[in-house]
Protein backbone atom coordinates (compact mmCIF):
# COMPACT_ATOMS: atom_id res chain seq x y z
CA MET A 1 25.00 -146.28 -263.15
CA ILE A 2 25.94 -146.68 -266.77
CA GLU A 3 25.73 -150.22 -268.10
CA PRO A 4 28.89 -151.74 -269.59
CA HIS A 5 27.75 -151.32 -273.15
CA ALA A 6 25.81 -148.10 -272.78
CA PRO A 7 26.84 -145.15 -274.92
CA ALA A 8 29.81 -143.30 -273.52
CA PRO A 9 29.10 -139.97 -271.78
CA LEU A 10 29.53 -136.77 -273.77
CA GLY A 11 33.17 -135.81 -273.98
CA ALA A 12 34.48 -139.14 -272.75
CA PRO A 13 37.96 -140.08 -274.00
CA PRO A 14 38.29 -142.69 -276.77
CA SER A 15 39.30 -145.42 -274.32
CA TRP A 16 35.85 -145.24 -272.75
CA ARG A 17 34.16 -146.41 -275.93
CA ASP A 18 36.29 -149.54 -275.93
CA ARG A 19 36.25 -150.41 -272.27
CA GLY A 20 32.86 -149.29 -270.99
CA ALA A 21 32.07 -146.69 -268.42
CA PRO A 22 34.00 -146.70 -265.16
CA GLY A 23 31.94 -147.89 -262.30
CA SER A 24 30.18 -150.58 -264.38
CA GLY A 25 32.01 -153.43 -262.68
CA PRO A 26 31.16 -154.86 -259.29
CA GLY A 27 31.49 -151.66 -257.27
CA ASP A 28 35.10 -150.83 -257.98
CA GLY A 29 34.86 -148.77 -261.18
CA HIS A 30 36.34 -151.40 -263.58
CA ASP A 31 34.88 -153.55 -266.33
CA GLU A 32 35.11 -157.27 -266.83
CA HIS A 33 38.72 -156.95 -268.02
CA GLU A 34 40.05 -155.51 -264.77
CA GLY A 35 42.17 -158.59 -264.23
CA ASP A 36 44.00 -157.88 -267.47
CA PRO A 37 46.85 -155.42 -266.74
CA GLY A 38 46.97 -154.61 -270.43
CA ARG A 39 43.57 -152.93 -270.16
CA GLN A 40 44.57 -150.60 -267.34
CA ASP A 41 45.40 -147.11 -268.62
CA ARG A 42 48.21 -145.33 -266.88
CA THR A 43 49.77 -141.92 -267.09
CA LEU A 44 53.37 -140.89 -267.71
CA GLY A 45 54.50 -144.09 -269.38
CA GLY A 46 52.29 -146.57 -267.61
CA PRO A 47 52.85 -149.98 -269.31
CA GLY A 48 50.33 -151.49 -271.69
CA PRO A 49 50.15 -155.22 -272.40
CA SER A 50 53.62 -155.29 -273.90
CA GLY A 51 55.23 -152.77 -271.60
CA GLY A 52 54.50 -149.75 -273.82
CA PRO A 53 52.45 -146.72 -272.80
CA SER A 54 48.67 -147.02 -272.91
CA LEU A 55 46.14 -144.41 -273.91
CA PRO A 56 45.53 -141.71 -271.27
CA GLY A 57 42.17 -140.78 -269.89
CA GLY A 58 40.89 -144.13 -268.64
CA ALA A 59 39.54 -144.94 -265.21
CA ALA A 60 42.03 -144.85 -262.40
CA ARG A 61 42.79 -148.05 -260.50
CA LEU A 62 42.46 -147.05 -256.85
CA PRO A 63 43.49 -148.77 -253.61
CA VAL A 64 40.11 -147.73 -252.13
CA ARG A 65 36.51 -147.70 -253.26
CA PRO A 66 35.61 -144.94 -255.77
CA GLY A 67 33.42 -143.10 -253.27
CA VAL A 68 36.25 -142.96 -250.75
CA GLY A 69 38.71 -141.95 -253.45
CA ARG A 70 36.46 -139.12 -254.59
CA PHE A 71 36.12 -137.88 -251.01
CA LEU A 72 39.92 -137.91 -250.56
CA VAL A 73 40.45 -135.93 -253.75
CA LEU A 74 37.92 -133.29 -252.69
CA ALA A 75 39.55 -133.15 -249.26
CA GLY A 76 42.87 -132.54 -251.02
CA VAL A 77 41.23 -129.77 -253.05
CA PHE A 78 40.01 -128.24 -249.80
CA VAL A 79 43.48 -128.20 -248.20
CA CYS A 80 45.31 -127.02 -251.34
CA ALA A 81 42.82 -124.17 -251.79
CA ALA A 82 43.39 -123.08 -248.19
CA CYS A 83 47.16 -123.09 -248.77
CA GLY A 84 46.80 -121.15 -252.00
CA LEU A 85 44.82 -118.37 -250.36
CA VAL A 86 47.31 -118.16 -247.50
CA TYR A 87 50.07 -117.56 -250.07
CA GLU A 88 48.05 -114.74 -251.63
CA LEU A 89 47.30 -113.08 -248.30
CA GLU A 90 50.90 -113.51 -247.21
CA LEU A 91 52.15 -111.62 -250.25
CA VAL A 92 49.60 -108.85 -249.75
CA ALA A 93 50.42 -108.47 -246.05
CA LEU A 94 54.17 -108.58 -246.52
CA ALA A 95 54.11 -106.15 -249.45
CA SER A 96 51.92 -103.73 -247.48
CA TYR A 97 54.30 -103.95 -244.54
CA LEU A 98 57.48 -103.58 -246.57
CA ILE A 99 56.33 -101.13 -249.24
CA GLY A 100 53.29 -99.45 -247.70
CA ASP A 101 50.12 -98.36 -249.52
CA SER A 102 48.15 -101.53 -248.85
CA VAL A 103 45.48 -100.82 -251.47
CA THR A 104 48.04 -100.66 -254.27
CA GLN A 105 49.89 -103.75 -253.10
CA ALA A 106 46.69 -105.79 -252.74
CA SER A 107 45.56 -104.68 -256.20
CA VAL A 108 48.88 -105.61 -257.80
CA VAL A 109 49.24 -109.00 -256.10
CA LEU A 110 45.64 -110.14 -256.60
CA SER A 111 45.27 -108.90 -260.18
CA VAL A 112 48.55 -110.52 -261.24
CA MET A 113 47.58 -113.76 -259.51
CA VAL A 114 44.13 -113.94 -261.06
CA PHE A 115 45.60 -113.28 -264.50
CA ALA A 116 48.25 -115.94 -263.95
CA MET A 117 45.66 -118.45 -262.77
CA GLY A 118 43.91 -118.17 -266.11
CA ILE A 119 47.15 -118.72 -268.00
CA GLY A 120 48.07 -121.64 -265.75
CA SER A 121 44.69 -123.28 -266.31
CA LEU A 122 45.10 -123.06 -270.08
CA ALA A 123 48.66 -124.37 -269.96
CA ALA A 124 47.64 -127.33 -267.79
CA LYS A 125 45.42 -128.74 -270.52
CA ARG A 126 48.54 -130.25 -272.07
CA LEU A 127 49.15 -132.16 -268.82
CA ARG A 128 45.73 -133.82 -268.63
CA PRO A 129 46.99 -137.12 -270.16
CA HIS A 130 49.44 -137.22 -267.24
CA ALA A 131 47.10 -135.71 -264.66
CA ALA A 132 48.38 -137.57 -261.60
CA PHE A 133 52.04 -136.85 -262.22
CA GLY A 134 51.31 -133.28 -263.30
CA PHE A 135 49.30 -132.50 -260.19
CA GLY A 136 51.95 -133.99 -257.92
CA ALA A 137 54.72 -131.98 -259.58
CA ILE A 138 52.69 -128.76 -259.44
CA GLU A 139 51.94 -129.17 -255.74
CA ALA A 140 55.61 -129.74 -254.95
CA ALA A 141 56.56 -126.61 -256.91
CA LEU A 142 53.76 -124.58 -255.31
CA ALA A 143 54.80 -125.66 -251.83
CA LEU A 144 58.39 -124.59 -252.48
CA VAL A 145 57.57 -121.27 -254.17
CA GLY A 146 54.74 -120.30 -251.84
CA GLY A 147 56.45 -121.47 -248.68
CA SER A 148 59.69 -119.61 -249.42
CA SER A 149 58.10 -116.45 -250.85
CA ALA A 150 58.02 -114.55 -247.54
CA LEU A 151 61.68 -115.37 -246.82
CA ALA A 152 62.78 -114.24 -250.26
CA LEU A 153 60.81 -110.99 -250.16
CA TYR A 154 62.01 -110.13 -246.67
CA ALA A 155 65.60 -110.87 -247.67
CA ALA A 156 65.26 -108.49 -250.63
CA PHE A 157 63.79 -105.86 -248.30
CA ALA A 158 66.60 -106.24 -245.77
CA TRP A 159 69.65 -106.53 -248.01
CA THR A 160 68.83 -104.62 -251.18
CA GLY A 161 67.07 -101.69 -249.57
CA ASP A 162 65.31 -100.48 -252.73
CA TRP A 163 61.67 -100.83 -251.64
CA GLY A 164 61.35 -97.09 -251.31
CA GLY A 165 62.43 -96.49 -254.90
CA VAL A 166 60.51 -96.41 -258.14
CA TRP A 167 58.22 -99.23 -259.28
CA ALA A 168 60.96 -100.66 -261.48
CA SER A 169 63.10 -101.57 -258.48
CA GLY A 170 64.27 -105.16 -258.33
CA SER A 171 62.43 -105.98 -255.11
CA ARG A 172 59.10 -104.91 -256.55
CA TYR A 173 59.76 -107.04 -259.60
CA LEU A 174 60.36 -109.93 -257.21
CA LEU A 175 56.92 -109.37 -255.68
CA VAL A 176 55.30 -109.50 -259.11
CA ALA A 177 57.36 -112.58 -260.03
CA PHE A 178 56.14 -114.49 -256.96
CA SER A 179 52.56 -113.41 -257.59
CA LEU A 180 52.83 -114.60 -261.18
CA ALA A 181 54.46 -117.94 -260.31
CA ILE A 182 52.02 -118.78 -257.52
CA GLY A 183 49.06 -117.79 -259.68
CA LEU A 184 50.25 -119.99 -262.56
CA LEU A 185 50.62 -123.01 -260.28
CA ILE A 186 47.27 -122.48 -258.55
CA GLY A 187 45.53 -122.10 -261.91
CA ALA A 188 47.09 -125.30 -263.22
CA GLU A 189 45.54 -127.32 -260.38
CA VAL A 190 41.93 -127.04 -261.58
CA PRO A 191 41.95 -128.92 -264.91
CA LEU A 192 44.17 -131.65 -263.48
CA LEU A 193 41.95 -132.14 -260.45
CA MET A 194 38.91 -132.26 -262.72
CA GLU A 195 40.57 -134.98 -264.76
CA LEU A 196 41.43 -137.00 -261.65
CA ILE A 197 37.91 -136.74 -260.25
CA GLN A 198 36.41 -137.85 -263.54
CA ARG A 199 38.74 -140.83 -263.72
CA ILE A 200 37.51 -142.03 -260.34
CA ARG A 201 33.85 -141.87 -261.32
CA ARG A 202 32.53 -140.22 -264.45
CA GLN A 203 29.70 -137.72 -263.92
CA ASP A 204 28.20 -134.84 -265.85
CA ALA A 205 30.49 -131.84 -266.22
CA GLY A 206 28.22 -129.50 -264.26
CA GLY A 207 28.11 -131.78 -261.23
CA ALA A 208 31.87 -132.34 -261.27
CA VAL A 209 32.55 -128.59 -261.51
CA ALA A 210 30.12 -127.90 -258.64
CA ASP A 211 31.79 -130.47 -256.37
CA LEU A 212 35.29 -129.27 -257.20
CA PHE A 213 34.54 -125.58 -256.77
CA ALA A 214 32.59 -126.15 -253.56
CA ALA A 215 35.60 -127.84 -251.98
CA ASP A 216 37.87 -125.15 -253.41
CA TYR A 217 35.85 -122.20 -252.12
CA VAL A 218 35.28 -123.67 -248.67
CA GLY A 219 39.02 -124.35 -248.43
CA ALA A 220 39.70 -120.75 -249.45
CA LEU A 221 37.39 -119.58 -246.66
CA VAL A 222 39.29 -121.62 -244.08
CA GLY A 223 42.65 -120.40 -245.37
CA GLY A 224 41.46 -116.80 -245.43
CA LEU A 225 40.35 -116.99 -241.80
CA ALA A 226 43.33 -119.01 -240.61
CA PHE A 227 45.86 -116.47 -241.88
CA PRO A 228 44.90 -113.41 -239.77
CA PHE A 229 43.56 -115.25 -236.73
CA LEU A 230 45.97 -118.18 -236.38
CA LEU A 231 49.06 -118.15 -238.58
CA LEU A 232 49.99 -114.47 -238.39
CA PRO A 233 49.56 -113.89 -234.63
CA TRP A 234 50.89 -117.29 -233.52
CA LEU A 235 53.65 -118.02 -236.01
CA GLY A 236 54.41 -114.76 -237.80
CA GLN A 237 54.74 -114.21 -241.53
CA LEU A 238 57.88 -116.24 -242.19
CA THR A 239 57.13 -119.37 -240.16
CA GLY A 240 53.47 -119.24 -241.21
CA ALA A 241 54.40 -119.36 -244.89
CA LEU A 242 56.87 -122.22 -244.31
CA LEU A 243 54.28 -124.26 -242.42
CA THR A 244 51.72 -123.68 -245.18
CA GLY A 245 54.19 -124.90 -247.78
CA THR A 246 54.89 -128.00 -245.70
CA VAL A 247 51.19 -128.85 -245.46
CA ASN A 248 50.80 -128.23 -249.19
CA ALA A 249 53.63 -130.62 -250.06
CA LEU A 250 52.44 -133.33 -247.69
CA ILE A 251 48.85 -133.27 -248.95
CA GLY A 252 49.78 -133.09 -252.63
CA GLY A 253 52.38 -135.84 -252.41
CA THR A 254 50.24 -138.12 -250.25
CA LEU A 255 47.21 -137.73 -252.50
CA VAL A 256 49.05 -138.64 -255.69
CA LEU A 257 51.44 -141.27 -254.37
CA GLY A 258 48.88 -142.86 -252.09
CA LEU A 259 45.75 -142.75 -254.23
CA PHE A 260 46.98 -142.68 -257.83
CA HIS A 261 50.23 -144.62 -257.61
CA HIS A 262 48.86 -147.21 -260.07
CA ASP A 263 48.58 -144.43 -262.67
CA LEU A 264 52.29 -143.70 -262.41
CA SER A 265 55.28 -145.52 -263.78
CA ARG A 266 58.00 -146.57 -261.36
CA ARG A 267 60.20 -143.73 -262.60
CA ALA A 268 57.41 -141.17 -262.08
CA ARG A 269 56.77 -142.39 -258.55
CA TRP A 270 60.42 -142.02 -257.61
CA LEU A 271 60.62 -138.57 -259.22
CA LEU A 272 57.64 -137.32 -257.22
CA LEU A 273 58.86 -138.93 -254.04
CA GLY A 274 62.30 -137.37 -254.43
CA ALA A 275 60.87 -133.93 -255.32
CA ASN A 276 58.55 -133.87 -252.32
CA ALA A 277 61.27 -135.09 -249.99
CA ALA A 278 63.59 -132.33 -251.24
CA VAL A 279 60.90 -129.65 -250.82
CA LEU A 280 60.06 -130.82 -247.30
CA ALA A 281 63.74 -130.90 -246.37
CA LEU A 282 64.28 -127.36 -247.66
CA LEU A 283 61.22 -126.00 -245.86
CA ALA A 284 62.13 -127.80 -242.63
CA SER A 285 65.69 -126.47 -242.79
CA ALA A 286 64.41 -122.94 -243.35
CA ALA A 287 62.01 -123.30 -240.41
CA VAL A 288 64.85 -124.41 -238.12
CA HIS A 289 66.95 -121.38 -239.07
CA VAL A 290 64.15 -118.83 -239.45
CA ASP A 291 64.92 -117.11 -236.14
CA ASP A 292 68.59 -116.68 -237.10
CA PHE A 293 67.52 -115.38 -240.50
CA GLU A 294 65.11 -112.91 -238.94
CA ARG A 295 67.74 -111.60 -236.54
CA ALA A 296 70.24 -111.15 -239.37
CA ALA A 297 67.65 -109.41 -241.54
CA ARG A 298 66.63 -107.16 -238.65
CA ARG A 299 70.26 -106.14 -238.13
CA ALA A 300 70.53 -105.36 -241.83
CA VAL A 301 67.44 -103.15 -241.62
CA TYR A 302 67.90 -101.46 -238.26
CA GLY A 303 71.59 -101.87 -237.50
CA ASN A 304 73.25 -103.84 -234.75
CA ASP A 305 71.74 -101.96 -231.82
CA VAL A 306 68.29 -103.59 -231.75
CA ARG A 307 67.07 -103.86 -228.14
CA VAL A 308 63.41 -104.73 -228.56
CA ALA A 309 61.61 -106.43 -231.44
CA VAL A 310 58.02 -107.53 -230.86
CA GLN A 311 55.16 -108.42 -233.18
CA THR A 312 51.88 -107.29 -231.68
CA GLY A 313 48.45 -107.93 -233.12
CA VAL A 314 48.72 -104.54 -234.83
CA GLN A 315 52.29 -104.13 -236.05
CA GLU A 316 55.96 -104.88 -235.52
CA ILE A 317 57.63 -102.66 -232.92
CA VAL A 318 61.41 -102.25 -232.90
CA LEU A 319 63.44 -100.15 -230.49
CA THR A 320 67.10 -99.41 -231.16
CA GLY A 321 69.62 -97.41 -229.14
CA GLY A 322 68.68 -95.81 -225.87
CA ARG A 323 71.80 -96.95 -224.06
CA HIS A 324 75.54 -96.19 -224.01
CA GLY A 325 74.82 -92.67 -225.20
CA ARG A 326 73.10 -93.78 -228.40
CA PRO A 327 69.84 -92.03 -229.27
CA LEU A 328 66.64 -94.05 -229.06
CA SER A 329 64.78 -94.86 -232.28
CA LEU A 330 61.30 -96.35 -232.55
CA PHE A 331 60.23 -98.20 -235.71
CA LEU A 332 56.68 -99.30 -236.42
CA ASP A 333 56.28 -101.83 -239.24
CA GLY A 334 59.77 -101.02 -240.44
CA ARG A 335 59.28 -97.25 -240.65
CA LEU A 336 60.99 -94.73 -238.41
CA ARG A 337 58.52 -93.01 -236.10
CA ILE A 338 60.76 -91.55 -233.40
CA SER A 339 64.38 -90.49 -233.52
CA GLY A 340 65.86 -89.41 -230.21
CA ARG A 341 68.05 -86.94 -232.09
CA ASP A 342 65.16 -84.80 -233.27
CA GLU A 343 61.91 -85.91 -231.64
CA HIS A 344 61.94 -83.03 -229.14
CA ARG A 345 61.75 -80.48 -231.96
CA TYR A 346 58.88 -82.38 -233.59
CA HIS A 347 56.82 -82.75 -230.41
CA ARG A 348 57.38 -79.19 -229.28
CA ALA A 349 56.23 -77.90 -232.65
CA LEU A 350 53.23 -80.24 -232.57
CA VAL A 351 52.07 -79.45 -229.04
CA HIS A 352 53.12 -75.96 -227.88
CA PRO A 353 51.43 -73.73 -230.50
CA ALA A 354 48.07 -75.39 -229.83
CA ILE A 355 48.48 -75.32 -226.04
CA ASP A 356 49.73 -71.71 -225.91
CA ALA A 357 46.86 -70.42 -228.05
CA GLY A 358 44.21 -70.63 -225.33
CA PRO A 359 42.78 -72.68 -222.46
CA HIS A 360 44.23 -76.17 -222.11
CA ALA A 361 42.76 -77.81 -219.02
CA ARG A 362 41.51 -80.85 -220.95
CA VAL A 363 43.70 -82.30 -223.72
CA LEU A 364 43.06 -85.27 -226.01
CA VAL A 365 46.00 -86.99 -227.77
CA LEU A 366 45.00 -89.22 -230.71
CA GLY A 367 47.82 -91.66 -231.34
CA GLY A 368 50.99 -90.73 -229.53
CA GLY A 369 51.06 -93.89 -227.42
CA ASP A 370 54.82 -93.40 -226.96
CA GLY A 371 53.96 -90.69 -224.41
CA LEU A 372 56.13 -87.98 -225.99
CA ALA A 373 53.27 -85.67 -226.92
CA ALA A 374 51.82 -86.15 -223.42
CA ARG A 375 55.24 -85.20 -222.00
CA GLU A 376 55.09 -81.85 -223.79
CA VAL A 377 51.50 -81.24 -222.70
CA LEU A 378 52.40 -81.81 -219.05
CA ARG A 379 55.05 -79.09 -219.20
CA HIS A 380 52.26 -76.49 -219.18
CA ASP A 381 50.56 -75.19 -216.08
CA GLY A 382 46.82 -75.55 -215.91
CA VAL A 383 46.58 -79.01 -217.48
CA ARG A 384 44.10 -81.08 -215.48
CA ARG A 385 43.51 -84.13 -217.70
CA VAL A 386 45.23 -85.74 -220.69
CA ASP A 387 43.47 -88.60 -222.52
CA VAL A 388 45.62 -90.69 -224.88
CA VAL A 389 43.89 -92.91 -227.46
CA GLU A 390 46.39 -95.45 -228.86
CA LEU A 391 45.59 -98.34 -231.20
CA ASP A 392 48.41 -100.68 -230.16
CA PRO A 393 48.61 -101.82 -226.52
CA GLY A 394 52.18 -102.92 -227.21
CA VAL A 395 53.26 -99.30 -227.73
CA LEU A 396 51.61 -98.27 -224.45
CA ARG A 397 53.26 -101.16 -222.62
CA LEU A 398 56.73 -100.23 -223.89
CA ALA A 399 56.15 -96.53 -223.15
CA ARG A 400 55.51 -97.50 -219.53
CA THR A 401 58.09 -100.26 -219.02
CA ASP A 402 61.03 -99.77 -221.38
CA PRO A 403 63.67 -97.83 -219.41
CA ALA A 404 64.91 -95.76 -222.35
CA LEU A 405 61.47 -94.93 -223.77
CA SER A 406 59.92 -94.14 -220.38
CA ALA A 407 62.91 -91.91 -219.59
CA LEU A 408 62.47 -90.14 -222.92
CA ASN A 409 58.77 -89.48 -222.29
CA GLY A 410 59.49 -88.29 -218.75
CA ASP A 411 57.47 -91.13 -217.25
CA ALA A 412 54.35 -89.42 -218.58
CA TYR A 413 52.15 -92.41 -217.79
CA GLY A 414 53.18 -92.19 -214.16
CA ASP A 415 51.35 -88.86 -213.91
CA ALA A 416 47.85 -89.27 -212.45
CA ARG A 417 46.48 -86.74 -214.97
CA VAL A 418 47.25 -89.01 -217.92
CA HIS A 419 44.69 -91.66 -218.89
CA ALA A 420 45.38 -94.07 -221.75
CA VAL A 421 42.79 -95.94 -223.79
CA THR A 422 43.47 -98.73 -226.30
CA ALA A 423 41.23 -98.04 -229.28
CA ASP A 424 41.14 -96.95 -232.90
CA SER A 425 40.98 -93.15 -232.89
CA PHE A 426 38.22 -92.98 -235.50
CA THR A 427 36.04 -95.51 -233.67
CA TRP A 428 36.70 -93.87 -230.31
CA LEU A 429 35.64 -90.43 -231.55
CA ARG A 430 32.56 -91.90 -233.18
CA HIS A 431 31.26 -93.77 -230.15
CA THR A 432 32.61 -91.87 -227.12
CA ARG A 433 30.87 -88.90 -225.55
CA PRO A 434 33.38 -87.21 -223.23
CA ALA A 435 32.14 -85.79 -219.94
CA ALA A 436 33.28 -82.33 -221.09
CA PRO A 437 34.66 -80.98 -224.38
CA TYR A 438 38.40 -80.79 -224.92
CA ASP A 439 40.31 -77.56 -225.11
CA VAL A 440 42.99 -79.11 -227.32
CA VAL A 441 43.00 -82.19 -229.57
CA ILE A 442 46.44 -83.33 -230.76
CA ALA A 443 46.47 -85.74 -233.74
CA ASP A 444 49.89 -87.42 -233.42
CA LEU A 445 49.15 -90.03 -236.08
CA PRO A 446 51.01 -91.94 -238.81
CA ASP A 447 51.75 -90.16 -242.06
CA PRO A 448 48.74 -89.55 -244.38
CA GLY A 449 50.68 -91.20 -247.20
CA ILE A 450 50.11 -94.62 -245.61
CA THR A 451 46.88 -96.10 -246.93
CA ASP A 452 45.84 -97.55 -243.57
CA SER A 453 46.00 -94.05 -242.07
CA ALA A 454 43.92 -92.35 -244.76
CA LYS A 455 40.71 -92.50 -242.71
CA LEU A 456 42.47 -90.60 -239.90
CA TYR A 457 43.02 -87.72 -242.32
CA SER A 458 39.52 -87.70 -243.78
CA GLN A 459 36.81 -85.06 -243.64
CA GLU A 460 34.67 -87.43 -241.59
CA PHE A 461 37.44 -87.89 -239.01
CA TYR A 462 37.97 -84.15 -238.62
CA GLY A 463 34.22 -83.69 -238.32
CA LEU A 464 34.19 -86.12 -235.40
CA ALA A 465 37.17 -84.36 -233.79
CA ARG A 466 35.38 -81.04 -234.19
CA GLU A 467 32.44 -82.36 -232.18
CA VAL A 468 34.56 -83.04 -229.08
CA LEU A 469 36.26 -79.61 -229.15
CA ALA A 470 35.22 -76.76 -226.91
CA GLU A 471 33.85 -73.72 -228.69
CA ASP A 472 37.27 -72.04 -228.59
CA GLY A 473 39.18 -75.34 -228.81
CA ARG A 474 42.11 -76.14 -231.11
CA LEU A 475 42.98 -79.19 -233.17
CA VAL A 476 46.57 -79.68 -234.36
CA VAL A 477 47.47 -82.24 -237.02
CA HIS A 478 50.78 -83.63 -238.23
CA ALA A 479 50.34 -83.42 -242.00
CA GLY A 480 53.60 -84.83 -243.36
CA PRO A 481 56.50 -83.06 -245.06
CA VAL A 482 55.66 -79.86 -246.91
CA ALA A 483 58.43 -79.50 -249.47
CA SER A 484 58.68 -83.10 -250.68
CA ARG A 485 54.94 -83.86 -250.70
CA ARG A 486 53.31 -80.51 -251.20
CA ASP A 487 49.95 -81.72 -252.53
CA VAL A 488 49.50 -84.18 -249.65
CA PHE A 489 50.15 -81.49 -247.06
CA TRP A 490 47.74 -79.02 -248.62
CA THR A 491 45.13 -81.74 -249.05
CA VAL A 492 45.17 -82.14 -245.26
CA ASP A 493 44.65 -78.39 -244.95
CA ALA A 494 41.79 -78.47 -247.50
CA THR A 495 40.17 -81.41 -245.69
CA LEU A 496 40.25 -79.60 -242.34
CA ARG A 497 38.64 -76.55 -243.92
CA ALA A 498 35.99 -78.74 -245.55
CA ALA A 499 35.14 -80.02 -242.03
CA GLY A 500 34.28 -76.46 -240.98
CA LEU A 501 37.57 -75.60 -239.26
CA HIS A 502 39.77 -72.53 -239.69
CA THR A 503 43.39 -73.46 -240.39
CA THR A 504 46.85 -72.09 -239.80
CA PRO A 505 49.50 -74.21 -241.54
CA TYR A 506 53.16 -74.15 -240.52
CA ARG A 507 56.36 -76.10 -240.98
CA VAL A 508 59.49 -76.95 -239.01
CA ALA A 509 62.82 -77.80 -240.62
CA ALA A 510 64.84 -80.69 -239.23
CA ARG A 511 68.53 -80.32 -238.57
CA ALA A 512 69.75 -83.77 -237.59
CA PRO A 513 71.54 -85.63 -240.40
CA GLY A 514 69.73 -88.63 -241.82
CA PHE A 515 66.33 -87.36 -240.66
CA VAL A 516 63.25 -88.83 -242.35
CA THR A 517 59.73 -87.43 -242.15
CA HIS A 518 57.79 -89.62 -244.55
CA PRO A 519 57.16 -93.38 -244.38
CA ASP A 520 60.45 -95.16 -244.93
CA ARG A 521 62.16 -98.19 -243.53
CA THR A 522 65.28 -96.65 -242.00
CA ALA A 523 66.62 -93.40 -240.68
CA HIS A 524 69.57 -93.50 -243.04
CA THR A 525 68.72 -91.70 -246.26
CA ASP A 526 69.91 -88.68 -248.18
CA ARG A 527 66.49 -87.67 -249.45
CA VAL A 528 65.90 -83.92 -249.22
CA PRO A 529 64.30 -81.67 -248.21
CA HIS A 530 63.54 -82.80 -244.68
CA ASP A 531 60.83 -81.01 -242.73
CA TRP A 532 57.64 -81.47 -240.73
CA GLY A 533 54.34 -79.93 -241.69
CA PHE A 534 51.53 -79.13 -239.24
CA VAL A 535 48.10 -77.58 -239.42
CA LEU A 536 46.54 -75.82 -236.43
CA ALA A 537 42.75 -75.67 -236.74
CA THR A 538 40.12 -73.89 -234.65
CA ARG A 539 36.33 -74.15 -234.35
CA GLY A 540 35.66 -70.43 -233.92
CA THR A 541 36.84 -67.51 -236.01
CA ALA A 542 38.94 -66.13 -233.15
CA GLY A 543 41.83 -68.38 -234.05
CA ALA A 544 41.69 -67.84 -237.80
CA GLY A 545 44.84 -66.20 -239.05
CA ARG A 546 46.44 -66.24 -235.61
CA ALA A 547 50.22 -65.91 -235.71
CA VAL A 548 51.87 -69.16 -234.67
CA ASP A 549 54.68 -68.81 -232.15
CA LEU A 550 57.20 -71.58 -232.78
CA GLY A 551 59.97 -70.11 -230.73
CA GLY A 552 62.10 -69.45 -233.80
CA THR A 553 62.18 -73.09 -234.89
CA GLY A 554 59.51 -73.00 -237.60
CA THR A 555 57.71 -70.92 -240.18
CA ARG A 556 54.06 -70.15 -240.68
CA LEU A 557 52.87 -70.79 -244.24
CA GLY A 558 50.85 -67.93 -245.68
CA ASP A 559 48.00 -68.07 -248.17
CA GLY A 560 50.45 -67.51 -251.01
CA ALA A 561 52.02 -70.93 -250.37
CA ARG A 562 48.68 -72.77 -250.43
CA VAL A 563 47.88 -75.03 -253.36
CA GLU A 564 44.39 -74.00 -254.34
CA GLY A 565 41.68 -76.22 -255.78
CA LEU A 566 42.60 -79.42 -253.97
CA PRO A 567 39.55 -81.50 -253.02
CA ALA A 568 38.95 -82.79 -249.51
CA SER A 569 39.83 -86.39 -248.69
CA THR A 570 36.90 -88.55 -247.58
CA LEU A 571 36.40 -92.14 -246.48
CA VAL A 572 35.07 -93.21 -249.87
CA HIS A 573 37.49 -91.09 -251.87
CA PRO A 574 40.90 -90.81 -250.16
CA ARG A 575 43.11 -88.26 -251.87
CA TYR A 576 46.49 -89.06 -250.41
CA ALA A 577 49.14 -90.77 -252.51
CA HIS A 578 52.13 -92.59 -251.03
């Protein structure tokens, strides 16, 4: 403890030198003048002896003992840090879902936030004389901005429809704006919290920083774990963000108004109380109407014929159409995966060339949980077993139980020859040793332009697939559109060849209007050209250069069309660009 007339600590504000160190009184952090209201420093216009403002920076007058007050502040740091990290992860997850290319979105959101945190920390130095009021105002603003960020971004996605455009699109600017605003507010917390902690009980700067950052980092850990394991699966992105904002506002407002109310003028207390009440009312109102909002936004994205909309632990699944003569469409995470108008041409082109090229008693389908590739496989005589490896059990469940989807796949899962496994295709190939090699492996997987799918188009993945093929077996891969993303398609071809496979690339043109082959949020677009690209690969040399019979619906791509010199894509160096 520092005696009342001991030298003031290094960096102490001028008021310390006149009043003695906080904590020198009888256990409550005040000196012998604590009964004199004129000696109590207050922030934001706190009255001095004659009603005028006193000098900032003095010891806070708390309703609890200093040790308890310090603990409560650190507990507030813990909760606010958890909320702040949830906001960051929410933006990353939502941007990855809406825009795609998760690596790019995470890099943009996190780098902008970290930059903004530095700017916010510098700007907050001006608020240190009014630390209590400043922190309360910042927490109210952060709760509102962070809590409503998911709603605002999803609304832009649903009603502006420009997420698939260039980087300068308004919705992408909105993402950066939220990242910047949240980062500024999070960064401004640190110097103000440091000031409040030091006003409770002065200690050396290193110890204060260690205590503050320990609470901050542990809170960030809790928030980081709570988001994927609790908030996202139980509440979803929108409600999860609103609940986080509510907790943020309650903790920030309670901490300041309950612990530091003596440091605030009457006007400041009412301003903070009114601001927090308004924020909580807005967040509560949004939470009450979030289901209506989500239904309206879903109609704006998918149209009015949405039959099924479920959020699994893997992705959002939406089914539209499939009744009253309307074609069925399947959307995964907002991107069209199946269109009943054209899917038969896609799946025939994917399956039949590989099946017709040789023996096909044992077939492995990687992805394709909708059952449509399995349907085409079962059309061939001689098929004895079909193994389907699907990541999302929700897709398998709908393929079995949804009347329209099960009718479209010909009730493939009702056939005793079809066996489905819920697993990641890469992990399954790595750890499973089939009883016998497969004659055909069909990779019916998401587009290589999606970052999360890059490992399923890597040299390592094709090497694993090669190991489960029979000596004369065939592997067929959906490689994305040829004409609109030429380098991506030929990178798939180069990666297959780097894995020791012989390739035969081919393409199929789509005829249905509004068809989309690359990741996009709707089926309604005028982007051209529209086609599918495939690569048929074989282990042995017997299949190299084999003519591909597409029944007149497609075209084999000769060596003259190949883009030479493209490197293979690997796990540590993915080559696909969205």
